[in-house]
Amino acid sequence: MASQNRDPAATSVTAARKGAELQQELMTLMMSGDKGISAFPESDNLFKWVGTIHGAFDEPTNPSLV
């Protein structure tokens, strides 16, 4: 199988590189100051994020209007 032929060292380097990229994205989001938009890693896992986008009150997606 192809997954068995992967070099574990190369995989960990790729994961570390992606982790560094995601850390940079987090810093960009934190410094942007965009109102109504947030995204943060879930726990300490940079590969799983939780995001929120706030819309206008009168939008049809507002649960209080349903």
Protein backbone atom coordinates (compact mmCIF):
# COMPACT_ATOMS: atom_id res chain seq x y z
CA MET A 1 0.00 0.00 0.00
CA ALA A 2 1.11 3.54 -0.69
CA SER A 3 0.56 4.70 2.90
CA GLN A 4 3.01 2.06 4.13
CA ASN A 5 5.72 3.37 1.82
CA ARG A 6 5.76 6.89 3.25
CA ASP A 7 8.83 8.14 5.08
CA PRO A 8 7.76 8.88 8.69
CA ALA A 9 10.38 11.62 9.00
CA ALA A 10 9.03 13.38 5.91
CA THR A 11 5.49 13.11 7.27
CA SER A 12 6.46 14.70 10.59
CA VAL A 13 8.31 17.52 8.80
CA THR A 14 5.21 18.17 6.66
CA ALA A 15 2.98 18.18 9.77
CA ALA A 16 5.35 20.58 11.53
CA ARG A 17 5.38 22.88 8.50
CA LYS A 18 1.58 22.85 8.30
CA GLY A 19 1.38 23.50 12.05
CA ALA A 20 3.62 26.55 11.64
CA GLU A 21 1.43 27.81 8.78
CA LEU A 22 -1.71 27.38 10.90
CA GLN A 23 -0.06 29.16 13.83
CA GLN A 24 0.65 32.09 11.50
CA GLU A 25 -2.98 32.07 10.31
CA LEU A 26 -4.15 32.17 13.94
CA MET A 27 -1.95 35.19 14.64
CA THR A 28 -3.29 36.92 11.52
CA LEU A 29 -6.88 36.31 12.62
CA MET A 30 -6.18 37.54 16.14
CA MET A 31 -4.52 40.73 14.91
CA SER A 32 -7.06 41.53 12.14
CA GLY A 33 -9.69 43.00 14.45
CA ASP A 34 -12.54 41.92 12.15
CA LYS A 35 -15.81 42.36 14.01
CA GLY A 36 -18.19 39.41 13.94
CA ILE A 37 -15.65 36.83 12.73
CA SER A 38 -13.68 34.52 14.95
CA ALA A 39 -11.83 31.25 14.54
CA PHE A 40 -9.67 29.43 17.03
CA PRO A 41 -8.14 25.99 17.31
CA GLU A 42 -10.18 23.52 19.33
CA SER A 43 -8.13 22.73 22.43
CA ASP A 44 -4.44 22.60 21.52
CA ASN A 45 -5.08 20.97 18.14
CA LEU A 46 -4.13 23.36 15.33
CA PHE A 47 -5.68 20.97 12.81
CA LYS A 48 -9.24 21.29 14.20
CA TRP A 49 -10.79 24.76 14.40
CA VAL A 50 -14.06 26.28 15.57
CA GLY A 51 -15.26 29.37 13.77
CA THR A 52 -18.10 31.86 14.18
CA ILE A 53 -19.48 34.39 11.73
CA HIS A 54 -22.08 36.82 13.07
CA GLY A 55 -24.56 38.16 10.54
CA ALA A 56 -27.04 40.98 10.70
CA PHE A 57 -29.91 40.59 13.17
CA ASP A 58 -32.57 40.56 10.45
CA GLU A 59 -30.90 37.83 8.39
CA PRO A 60 -33.02 34.71 7.72
CA THR A 61 -30.33 32.59 9.42
CA ASN A 62 -30.96 34.28 12.78
CA PRO A 63 -32.50 31.56 14.99
CA SER A 64 -34.55 34.12 16.97
CA LEU A 65 -36.50 34.97 13.79
CA VAL A 66 -37.56 31.40 13.05
